Amino acid sequence: LEELGRLRRTQPNEWIYLLSEFRKQRPPVFTGEPDPRVAESWIRLIDKMLETMGISVLTDKLALASYQLEGEADHWWSLMKNSRDTTGMTWA
């Protein structure tokens, strides 16, 4: 699993493979729960999964984590992407 981060940048269809491997870990979704403890728990769980998989590239982490946003959280992220430069943004 440590090679997954490098695979995204070096092989055709690497994003599909990386996303598939990430989804096999059954990452939780985040819907925008207003309780900060719920959000912090979600971030810790996603971070553990990414670390275990060897994902170290920040853009990969951000893309995979944001894929797990649904509902209000996904709407918020869509607004963020359209109103700010997210290239240097970290996900956690």
PDB file of N, CA and C in Angstrom:
ATOM      1  N   LEU A   1       0.804  -1.204   0.000  1.00  0.00           N
ATOM      2  CA  LEU A   1       0.000   0.000   0.000  1.00  0.00           C
ATOM      3  C   LEU A   1       0.845   1.265   0.000  1.00  0.00           C
ATOM      4  N   GLU A   2       2.094   1.182   0.426  1.00  0.00           N
ATOM      5  CA  GLU A   2       2.930   2.377   0.488  1.00  0.00           C
ATOM      6  C   GLU A   2       3.161   3.016  -0.874  1.00  0.00           C
ATOM      7  N   GLU A   3       3.055   2.239  -1.933  1.00  0.00           N
ATOM      8  CA  GLU A   3       3.332   2.744  -3.270  1.00  0.00           C
ATOM      9  C   GLU A   3       2.154   3.492  -3.885  1.00  0.00           C
ATOM     10  N   LEU A   4       0.999   3.468  -3.257  1.00  0.00           N
ATOM     11  CA  LEU A   4      -0.195   4.041  -3.880  1.00  0.00           C
ATOM     12  C   LEU A   4      -0.049   5.517  -4.207  1.00  0.00           C
ATOM     13  N   GLY A   5       0.557   6.279  -3.331  1.00  0.00           N
ATOM     14  CA  GLY A   5       0.743   7.696  -3.593  1.00  0.00           C
ATOM     15  C   GLY A   5       1.590   7.941  -4.827  1.00  0.00           C
ATOM     16  N   ARG A   6       2.616   7.145  -5.009  1.00  0.00           N
ATOM     17  CA  ARG A   6       3.476   7.290  -6.182  1.00  0.00           C
ATOM     18  C   ARG A   6       2.771   6.800  -7.440  1.00  0.00           C
ATOM     19  N   LEU A   7       1.936   5.787  -7.319  1.00  0.00           N
ATOM     20  CA  LEU A   7       1.231   5.247  -8.482  1.00  0.00           C
ATOM     21  C   LEU A   7       0.336   6.289  -9.134  1.00  0.00           C
ATOM     22  N   ARG A   8      -0.258   7.128  -8.337  1.00  0.00           N
ATOM     23  CA  ARG A   8      -1.170   8.138  -8.878  1.00  0.00           C
ATOM     24  C   ARG A   8      -0.464   9.028  -9.884  1.00  0.00           C
ATOM     25  N   ARG A   9       0.800   9.271  -9.665  1.00  0.00           N
ATOM     26  CA  ARG A   9       1.541  10.181 -10.531  1.00  0.00           C
ATOM     27  C   ARG A   9       2.251   9.475 -11.668  1.00  0.00           C
ATOM     28  N   THR A  10       2.313   8.152 -11.677  1.00  0.00           N
ATOM     29  CA  THR A  10       3.171   7.474 -12.652  1.00  0.00           C
ATOM     30  C   THR A  10       2.461   6.516 -13.595  1.00  0.00           C
ATOM     31  N   GLN A  11       1.240   6.143 -13.352  1.00  0.00           N
ATOM     32  CA  GLN A  11       0.580   5.155 -14.193  1.00  0.00           C
ATOM     33  C   GLN A  11      -0.721   5.691 -14.774  1.00  0.00           C
ATOM     34  N   PRO A  12      -1.047   5.234 -15.991  1.00  0.00           N
ATOM     35  CA  PRO A  12      -2.347   5.604 -16.550  1.00  0.00           C
ATOM     36  C   PRO A  12      -3.463   5.072 -15.649  1.00  0.00           C
ATOM     37  N   ASN A  13      -4.528   5.810 -15.578  1.00  0.00           N
ATOM     38  CA  ASN A  13      -5.675   5.441 -14.739  1.00  0.00           C
ATOM     39  C   ASN A  13      -5.302   5.319 -13.261  1.00  0.00           C
ATOM     40  N   GLU A  14      -4.228   5.990 -12.863  1.00  0.00           N
ATOM     41  CA  GLU A  14      -3.763   5.880 -11.484  1.00  0.00           C
ATOM     42  C   GLU A  14      -4.784   6.419 -10.486  1.00  0.00           C
ATOM     43  N   TRP A  15      -5.501   7.471 -10.865  1.00  0.00           N
ATOM     44  CA  TRP A  15      -6.486   8.020  -9.934  1.00  0.00           C
ATOM     45  C   TRP A  15      -7.586   7.017  -9.654  1.00  0.00           C
ATOM     46  N   ILE A  16      -8.026   6.315 -10.671  1.00  0.00           N
ATOM     47  CA  ILE A  16      -9.073   5.299 -10.493  1.00  0.00           C
ATOM     48  C   ILE A  16      -8.576   4.199  -9.565  1.00  0.00           C
ATOM     49  N   TYR A  17      -7.346   3.781  -9.761  1.00  0.00           N
ATOM     50  CA  TYR A  17      -6.772   2.738  -8.906  1.00  0.00           C
ATOM     51  C   TYR A  17      -6.634   3.225  -7.463  1.00  0.00           C
ATOM     52  N   LEU A  18      -6.115   4.436  -7.300  1.00  0.00           N
ATOM     53  CA  LEU A  18      -5.930   4.995  -5.965  1.00  0.00           C
ATOM     54  C   LEU A  18      -7.268   5.137  -5.249  1.00  0.00           C
ATOM     55  N   LEU A  19      -8.264   5.660  -5.936  1.00  0.00           N
ATOM     56  CA  LEU A  19      -9.586   5.808  -5.349  1.00  0.00           C
ATOM     57  C   LEU A  19     -10.189   4.448  -5.006  1.00  0.00           C
ATOM     58  N   SER A  20     -10.005   3.487  -5.870  1.00  0.00           N
ATOM     59  CA  SER A  20     -10.515   2.137  -5.619  1.00  0.00           C
ATOM     60  C   SER A  20      -9.888   1.542  -4.363  1.00  0.00           C
ATOM     61  N   GLU A  21      -8.583   1.687  -4.217  1.00  0.00           N
ATOM     62  CA  GLU A  21      -7.897   1.155  -3.032  1.00  0.00           C
ATOM     63  C   GLU A  21      -8.341   1.886  -1.769  1.00  0.00           C
ATOM     64  N   PHE A  22      -8.534   3.180  -1.880  1.00  0.00           N
ATOM     65  CA  PHE A  22      -9.004   3.963  -0.745  1.00  0.00           C
ATOM     66  C   PHE A  22     -10.409   3.502  -0.344  1.00  0.00           C
ATOM     67  N   ARG A  23     -11.290   3.322  -1.306  1.00  0.00           N
ATOM     68  CA  ARG A  23     -12.668   2.916  -1.022  1.00  0.00           C
ATOM     69  C   ARG A  23     -12.724   1.509  -0.411  1.00  0.00           C
ATOM     70  N   LYS A  24     -11.760   0.668  -0.736  1.00  0.00           N
ATOM     71  CA  LYS A  24     -11.709  -0.676  -0.133  1.00  0.00           C
ATOM     72  C   LYS A  24     -11.515  -0.606   1.381  1.00  0.00           C
ATOM     73  N   GLN A  25     -10.955   0.498   1.857  1.00  0.00           N
ATOM     74  CA  GLN A  25     -10.734   0.675   3.292  1.00  0.00           C
ATOM     75  C   GLN A  25     -12.021   1.066   4.024  1.00  0.00           C
ATOM     76  N   ARG A  26     -13.087   1.290   3.279  1.00  0.00           N
ATOM     77  CA  ARG A  26     -14.396   1.710   3.809  1.00  0.00           C
ATOM     78  C   ARG A  26     -14.301   2.998   4.632  1.00  0.00           C
ATOM     79  N   PRO A  27     -13.812   4.058   3.993  1.00  0.00           N
ATOM     80  CA  PRO A  27     -13.693   5.322   4.720  1.00  0.00           C
ATOM     81  C   PRO A  27     -15.068   5.886   5.056  1.00  0.00           C
ATOM     82  N   PRO A  28     -15.197   6.513   6.214  1.00  0.00           N
ATOM     83  CA  PRO A  28     -16.486   7.095   6.590  1.00  0.00           C
ATOM     84  C   PRO A  28     -16.771   8.347   5.760  1.00  0.00           C
ATOM     85  N   VAL A  29     -18.036   8.662   5.627  1.00  0.00           N
ATOM     86  CA  VAL A  29     -18.418   9.911   4.968  1.00  0.00           C
ATOM     87  C   VAL A  29     -18.647  10.966   6.035  1.00  0.00           C
ATOM     88  N   PHE A  30     -18.548  12.219   5.609  1.00  0.00           N
ATOM     89  CA  PHE A  30     -18.846  13.331   6.501  1.00  0.00           C
ATOM     90  C   PHE A  30     -19.896  14.186   5.820  1.00  0.00           C
ATOM     91  N   THR A  31     -20.988  14.450   6.527  1.00  0.00           N
ATOM     92  CA  THR A  31     -22.117  15.166   5.934  1.00  0.00           C
ATOM     93  C   THR A  31     -22.228  16.609   6.404  1.00  0.00           C
ATOM     94  N   GLY A  32     -21.333  17.039   7.269  1.00  0.00           N
ATOM     95  CA  GLY A  32     -21.377  18.412   7.746  1.00  0.00           C
ATOM     96  C   GLY A  32     -21.968  18.539   9.129  1.00  0.00           C
ATOM     97  N   GLU A  33     -21.909  17.474   9.873  1.00  0.00           N
ATOM     98  CA  GLU A  33     -22.399  17.484  11.260  1.00  0.00           C
ATOM     99  C   GLU A  33     -21.833  18.693  11.999  1.00  0.00           C
ATOM    100  N   PRO A  34     -22.676  19.496  12.649  1.00  0.00           N
ATOM    101  CA  PRO A  34     -22.182  20.708  13.310  1.00  0.00           C
ATOM    102  C   PRO A  34     -21.340  20.454  14.571  1.00  0.00           C
ATOM    103  N   ASP A  35     -21.394  19.264  15.126  1.00  0.00           N
ATOM    104  CA  ASP A  35     -20.613  18.945  16.324  1.00  0.00           C
ATOM    105  C   ASP A  35     -19.132  18.822  15.944  1.00  0.00           C
ATOM    106  N   PRO A  36     -18.262  19.698  16.456  1.00  0.00           N
ATOM    107  CA  PRO A  36     -16.847  19.650  16.088  1.00  0.00           C
ATOM    108  C   PRO A  36     -16.168  18.330  16.455  1.00  0.00           C
ATOM    109  N   ARG A  37     -16.671  17.644  17.468  1.00  0.00           N
ATOM    110  CA  ARG A  37     -16.082  16.348  17.835  1.00  0.00           C
ATOM    111  C   ARG A  37     -16.287  15.322  16.731  1.00  0.00           C
ATOM    112  N   VAL A  38     -17.434  15.380  16.074  1.00  0.00           N
ATOM    113  CA  VAL A  38     -17.722  14.468  14.962  1.00  0.00           C
ATOM    114  C   VAL A  38     -16.772  14.766  13.803  1.00  0.00           C
ATOM    115  N   ALA A  39     -16.593  16.045  13.502  1.00  0.00           N
ATOM    116  CA  ALA A  39     -15.682  16.433  12.425  1.00  0.00           C
ATOM    117  C   ALA A  39     -14.248  16.021  12.732  1.00  0.00           C
ATOM    118  N   GLU A  40     -13.801  16.262  13.952  1.00  0.00           N
ATOM    119  CA  GLU A  40     -12.438  15.885  14.339  1.00  0.00           C
ATOM    120  C   GLU A  40     -12.230  14.380  14.280  1.00  0.00           C
ATOM    121  N   SER A  41     -13.222  13.625  14.697  1.00  0.00           N
ATOM    122  CA  SER A  41     -13.137  12.167  14.630  1.00  0.00           C
ATOM    123  C   SER A  41     -13.033  11.704  13.186  1.00  0.00           C
ATOM    124  N   TRP A  42     -13.835  12.298  12.302  1.00  0.00           N
ATOM    125  CA  TRP A  42     -13.799  11.941  10.883  1.00  0.00           C
ATOM    126  C   TRP A  42     -12.422  12.237  10.301  1.00  0.00           C
ATOM    127  N   ILE A  43     -11.872  13.408  10.621  1.00  0.00           N
ATOM    128  CA  ILE A  43     -10.543  13.773  10.117  1.00  0.00           C
ATOM    129  C   ILE A  43      -9.492  12.781  10.601  1.00  0.00           C
ATOM    130  N   ARG A  44      -9.538  12.417  11.880  1.00  0.00           N
ATOM    131  CA  ARG A  44      -8.561  11.454  12.412  1.00  0.00           C
ATOM    132  C   ARG A  44      -8.668  10.104  11.713  1.00  0.00           C
ATOM    133  N   LEU A  45      -9.884   9.623  11.486  1.00  0.00           N
ATOM    134  CA  LEU A  45     -10.064   8.331  10.818  1.00  0.00           C
ATOM    135  C   LEU A  45      -9.548   8.366   9.380  1.00  0.00           C
ATOM    136  N   ILE A  46      -9.893   9.425   8.651  1.00  0.00           N
ATOM    137  CA  ILE A  46      -9.415   9.550   7.269  1.00  0.00           C
ATOM    138  C   ILE A  46      -7.893   9.654   7.256  1.00  0.00           C
ATOM    139  N   ASP A  47      -7.330  10.438   8.170  1.00  0.00           N
ATOM    140  CA  ASP A  47      -5.882  10.598   8.235  1.00  0.00           C
ATOM    141  C   ASP A  47      -5.187   9.263   8.494  1.00  0.00           C
ATOM    142  N   LYS A  48      -5.734   8.457   9.394  1.00  0.00           N
ATOM    143  CA  LYS A  48      -5.160   7.129   9.665  1.00  0.00           C
ATOM    144  C   LYS A  48      -5.179   6.262   8.418  1.00  0.00           C
ATOM    145  N   MET A  49      -6.280   6.294   7.706  1.00  0.00           N
ATOM    146  CA  MET A  49      -6.382   5.488   6.480  1.00  0.00           C
ATOM    147  C   MET A  49      -5.361   5.929   5.441  1.00  0.00           C
ATOM    148  N   LEU A  50      -5.255   7.227   5.228  1.00  0.00           N
ATOM    149  CA  LEU A  50      -4.302   7.736   4.243  1.00  0.00           C
ATOM    150  C   LEU A  50      -2.875   7.414   4.646  1.00  0.00           C
ATOM    151  N   GLU A  51      -2.572   7.551   5.926  1.00  0.00           N
ATOM    152  CA  GLU A  51      -1.231   7.238   6.419  1.00  0.00           C
ATOM    153  C   GLU A  51      -0.922   5.750   6.241  1.00  0.00           C
ATOM    154  N   THR A  52      -1.868   4.903   6.581  1.00  0.00           N
ATOM    155  CA  THR A  52      -1.685   3.462   6.436  1.00  0.00           C
ATOM    156  C   THR A  52      -1.451   3.066   4.981  1.00  0.00           C
ATOM    157  N   MET A  53      -2.129   3.773   4.074  1.00  0.00           N
ATOM    158  CA  MET A  53      -1.983   3.487   2.654  1.00  0.00           C
ATOM    159  C   MET A  53      -0.705   4.082   2.060  1.00  0.00           C
ATOM    160  N   GLY A  54      -0.001   4.904   2.840  1.00  0.00           N
ATOM    161  CA  GLY A  54       1.220   5.524   2.338  1.00  0.00           C
ATOM    162  C   GLY A  54       0.960   6.727   1.452  1.00  0.00           C
ATOM    163  N   ILE A  55      -0.211   7.319   1.570  1.00  0.00           N
ATOM    164  CA  ILE A  55      -0.534   8.500   0.771  1.00  0.00           C
ATOM    165  C   ILE A  55       0.080   9.707   1.458  1.00  0.00           C
ATOM    166  N   SER A  56       1.051  10.331   0.805  1.00  0.00           N
ATOM    167  CA  SER A  56       1.743  11.459   1.412  1.00  0.00           C
ATOM    168  C   SER A  56       1.618  12.739   0.592  1.00  0.00           C
ATOM    169  N   VAL A  57       1.216  12.639  -0.651  1.00  0.00           N
ATOM    170  CA  VAL A  57       1.074  13.817  -1.503  1.00  0.00           C
ATOM    171  C   VAL A  57      -0.180  14.574  -1.070  1.00  0.00           C
ATOM    172  N   LEU A  58      -0.024  15.840  -0.708  1.00  0.00           N
ATOM    173  CA  LEU A  58      -1.124  16.620  -0.160  1.00  0.00           C
ATOM    174  C   LEU A  58      -2.321  16.710  -1.099  1.00  0.00           C
ATOM    175  N   THR A  59      -2.071  16.847  -2.391  1.00  0.00           N
ATOM    176  CA  THR A  59      -3.200  16.931  -3.326  1.00  0.00           C
ATOM    177  C   THR A  59      -3.970  15.614  -3.376  1.00  0.00           C
ATOM    178  N   ASP A  60      -3.279  14.499  -3.228  1.00  0.00           N
ATOM    179  CA  ASP A  60      -3.953  13.194  -3.182  1.00  0.00           C
ATOM    180  C   ASP A  60      -4.797  13.087  -1.913  1.00  0.00           C
ATOM    181  N   LYS A  61      -4.222  13.506  -0.788  1.00  0.00           N
ATOM    182  CA  LYS A  61      -4.956  13.463   0.482  1.00  0.00           C
ATOM    183  C   LYS A  61      -6.219  14.303   0.401  1.00  0.00           C
ATOM    184  N   LEU A  62      -6.076  15.497  -0.123  1.00  0.00           N
ATOM    185  CA  LEU A  62      -7.214  16.401  -0.231  1.00  0.00           C
ATOM    186  C   LEU A  62      -8.289  15.835  -1.143  1.00  0.00           C
ATOM    187  N   ALA A  63      -7.881  15.288  -2.273  1.00  0.00           N
ATOM    188  CA  ALA A  63      -8.848  14.729  -3.222  1.00  0.00           C
ATOM    189  C   ALA A  63      -9.577  13.531  -2.631  1.00  0.00           C
ATOM    190  N   LEU A  64      -8.849  12.643  -1.976  1.00  0.00           N
ATOM    191  CA  LEU A  64      -9.483  11.456  -1.392  1.00  0.00           C
ATOM    192  C   LEU A  64     -10.383  11.825  -0.220  1.00  0.00           C
ATOM    193  N   ALA A  65      -9.924  12.712   0.641  1.00  0.00           N
ATOM    194  CA  ALA A  65     -10.750  13.118   1.780  1.00  0.00           C
ATOM    195  C   ALA A  65     -12.009  13.819   1.307  1.00  0.00           C
ATOM    196  N   SER A  66     -11.874  14.726   0.353  1.00  0.00           N
ATOM    197  CA  SER A  66     -13.043  15.472  -0.110  1.00  0.00           C
ATOM    198  C   SER A  66     -14.026  14.575  -0.865  1.00  0.00           C
ATOM    199  N   TYR A  67     -13.556  13.464  -1.392  1.00  0.00           N
ATOM    200  CA  TYR A  67     -14.452  12.511  -2.054  1.00  0.00           C
ATOM    201  C   TYR A  67     -15.461  11.936  -1.058  1.00  0.00           C
ATOM    202  N   GLN A  68     -15.106  11.933   0.208  1.00  0.00           N
ATOM    203  CA  GLN A  68     -15.969  11.374   1.246  1.00  0.00           C
ATOM    204  C   GLN A  68     -16.925  12.398   1.859  1.00  0.00           C
ATOM    205  N   LEU A  69     -16.968  13.585   1.300  1.00  0.00           N
ATOM    206  CA  LEU A  69     -17.911  14.597   1.775  1.00  0.00           C
ATOM    207  C   LEU A  69     -19.248  14.420   1.072  1.00  0.00           C
ATOM    208  N   GLU A  70     -20.316  14.540   1.842  1.00  0.00           N
ATOM    209  CA  GLU A  70     -21.659  14.431   1.285  1.00  0.00           C
ATOM    210  C   GLU A  70     -22.533  15.521   1.885  1.00  0.00           C
ATOM    211  N   GLY A  71     -23.657  15.789   1.255  1.00  0.00           N
ATOM    212  CA  GLY A  71     -24.629  16.745   1.783  1.00  0.00           C
ATOM    213  C   GLY A  71     -24.051  18.137   1.945  1.00  0.00           C
ATOM    214  N   GLU A  72     -24.287  18.727   3.109  1.00  0.00           N
ATOM    215  CA  GLU A  72     -23.833  20.087   3.393  1.00  0.00           C
ATOM    216  C   GLU A  72     -22.313  20.220   3.307  1.00  0.00           C
ATOM    217  N   ALA A  73     -21.603  19.205   3.734  1.00  0.00           N
ATOM    218  CA  ALA A  73     -20.140  19.257   3.679  1.00  0.00           C
ATOM    219  C   ALA A  73     -19.656  19.305   2.229  1.00  0.00           C
ATOM    220  N   ASP A  74     -20.279  18.534   1.364  1.00  0.00           N
ATOM    221  CA  ASP A  74     -19.916  18.547  -0.053  1.00  0.00           C
ATOM    222  C   ASP A  74     -20.261  19.891  -0.681  1.00  0.00           C
ATOM    223  N   HIS A  75     -21.400  20.445  -0.309  1.00  0.00           N
ATOM    224  CA  HIS A  75     -21.796  21.760  -0.816  1.00  0.00           C
ATOM    225  C   HIS A  75     -20.777  22.820  -0.379  1.00  0.00           C
ATOM    226  N   TRP A  76     -20.381  22.790   0.887  1.00  0.00           N
ATOM    227  CA  TRP A  76     -19.374  23.712   1.397  1.00  0.00           C
ATOM    228  C   TRP A  76     -18.066  23.583   0.610  1.00  0.00           C
ATOM    229  N   TRP A  77     -17.635  22.353   0.382  1.00  0.00           N
ATOM    230  CA  TRP A  77     -16.374  22.139  -0.333  1.00  0.00           C
ATOM    231  C   TRP A  77     -16.472  22.656  -1.767  1.00  0.00           C
ATOM    232  N   SER A  78     -17.599  22.465  -2.396  1.00  0.00           N
ATOM    233  CA  SER A  78     -17.801  22.981  -3.750  1.00  0.00           C
ATOM    234  C   SER A  78     -17.666  24.505  -3.770  1.00  0.00           C
ATOM    235  N   LEU A  79     -18.257  25.167  -2.789  1.00  0.00           N
ATOM    236  CA  LEU A  79     -18.132  26.622  -2.690  1.00  0.00           C
ATOM    237  C   LEU A  79     -16.681  27.036  -2.459  1.00  0.00           C
ATOM    238  N   MET A  80     -15.968  26.307  -1.611  1.00  0.00           N
ATOM    239  CA  MET A  80     -14.557  26.611  -1.327  1.00  0.00           C
ATOM    240  C   MET A  80     -13.718  26.506  -2.599  1.00  0.00           C
ATOM    241  N   LYS A  81     -13.913  25.428  -3.343  1.00  0.00           N
ATOM    242  CA  LYS A  81     -13.131  25.229  -4.569  1.00  0.00           C
ATOM    243  C   LYS A  81     -13.382  26.333  -5.585  1.00  0.00           C
ATOM    244  N   ASN A  82     -14.614  26.824  -5.652  1.00  0.00           N
ATOM    245  CA  ASN A  82     -14.966  27.840  -6.634  1.00  0.00           C
ATOM    246  C   ASN A  82     -14.613  29.254  -6.203  1.00  0.00           C
ATOM    247  N   SER A  83     -14.330  29.461  -4.916  1.00  0.00           N
ATOM    248  CA  SER A  83     -14.063  30.815  -4.447  1.00  0.00           C
ATOM    249  C   SER A  83     -12.631  31.039  -3.974  1.00  0.00           C
ATOM    250  N   ARG A  84     -11.850  29.979  -3.850  1.00  0.00           N
ATOM    251  CA  ARG A  84     -10.477  30.121  -3.346  1.00  0.00           C
ATOM    252  C   ARG A  84      -9.524  29.245  -4.144  1.00  0.00           C
ATOM    253  N   ASP A  85      -8.256  29.580  -4.047  1.00  0.00           N
ATOM    254  CA  ASP A  85      -7.216  28.755  -4.635  1.00  0.00           C
ATOM    255  C   ASP A  85      -6.914  27.633  -3.646  1.00  0.00           C
ATOM    256  N   THR A  86      -7.283  26.415  -3.974  1.00  0.00           N
ATOM    257  CA  THR A  86      -7.100  25.283  -3.058  1.00  0.00           C
ATOM    258  C   THR A  86      -5.827  24.493  -3.349  1.00  0.00           C
ATOM    259  N   THR A  87      -5.004  24.948  -4.290  1.00  0.00           N
ATOM    260  CA  THR A  87      -3.820  24.167  -4.647  1.00  0.00           C
ATOM    261  C   THR A  87      -2.837  24.004  -3.504  1.00  0.00           C
ATOM    262  N   GLY A  88      -2.710  25.007  -2.642  1.00  0.00           N
ATOM    263  CA  GLY A  88      -1.788  24.902  -1.526  1.00  0.00           C
ATOM    264  C   GLY A  88      -2.457  24.507  -0.224  1.00  0.00           C
ATOM    265  N   MET A  89      -3.735  24.202  -0.291  1.00  0.00           N
ATOM    266  CA  MET A  89      -4.505  23.895   0.918  1.00  0.00           C
ATOM    267  C   MET A  89      -4.266  22.458   1.366  1.00  0.00           C
ATOM    268  N   THR A  90      -4.123  22.265   2.659  1.00  0.00           N
ATOM    269  CA  THR A  90      -4.060  20.925   3.207  1.00  0.00           C
ATOM    270  C   THR A  90      -5.455  20.539   3.660  1.00  0.00           C
ATOM    271  N   TRP A  91      -5.722  19.283   3.751  1.00  0.00           N
ATOM    272  CA  TRP A  91      -7.078  18.853   4.086  1.00  0.00           C
ATOM    273  C   TRP A  91      -7.284  18.762   5.583  1.00  0.00           C
ATOM    274  N   ALA A  92      -6.214  18.622   6.334  1.00  0.00           N
ATOM    275  CA  ALA A  92      -6.369  18.494   7.803  1.00  0.00           C
ATOM    276  C   ALA A  92      -5.461  19.448   8.519  1.00  0.00           C
TER     277      ALA A  92
END
